[in-house]
Amino acid sequence: MRKLLFVLIALFICVGAVYANIGCDPKAGPCRDVESVYNNETTVTLDVGDVVEWDINSSTGDNDFYVLQPNANNTHLVAGVVVGKDIVAGARGTIATYGNVTVDCPAGIAVDNLLCSTAGSGDASAAVCSPDNAFGFATSASSGGSCEAFIFGR
């Protein structure tokens, strides 16, 4: 009986270690989770670094993962940030949903600023950014139209 109990405990520990969600340290280097998405814009190309939101009005509920440019400032619908390559209208591409990423940021973003969406563009914003709607924080100051950031998984 003790052997069986020991084997079961060892098995649970091993399985738990395999499925543990070990996060990453944003200061230690790049690590991120990505998701394949569909650009549901009709004419807009989503550029690398653009912040995108879930298109909940067009989703059919079959894991289509439609995204758009944000339609509102400070929205809680942020899906992530475009990575890898631009996503043309009506095509599939990749977004980062968690971890370190380069984001389109206007001048004035400072290290540790919370980042929120900006309506009608793919830029992040620190202005009027509610902590409840922040999708991440800047890990570098904005320079040349972008900044490094750590985005939270939602």
Foldseek 3Di string as FASTA:
>chain_A
DVVVVVVVVVVVVVVCVVPPDDDDDQVPDWDFDKDKAWAQDPFDKAFAQFWWFFPVVPDPPPPRHYIYADAAKQDQRTQAGFDDGIHGHGGMGMGTQFTKGKHFEDAPAAFFQFWIGDHPTRYTDSPPHDPNRGQWTFRHGDDPRIGMITGHHD
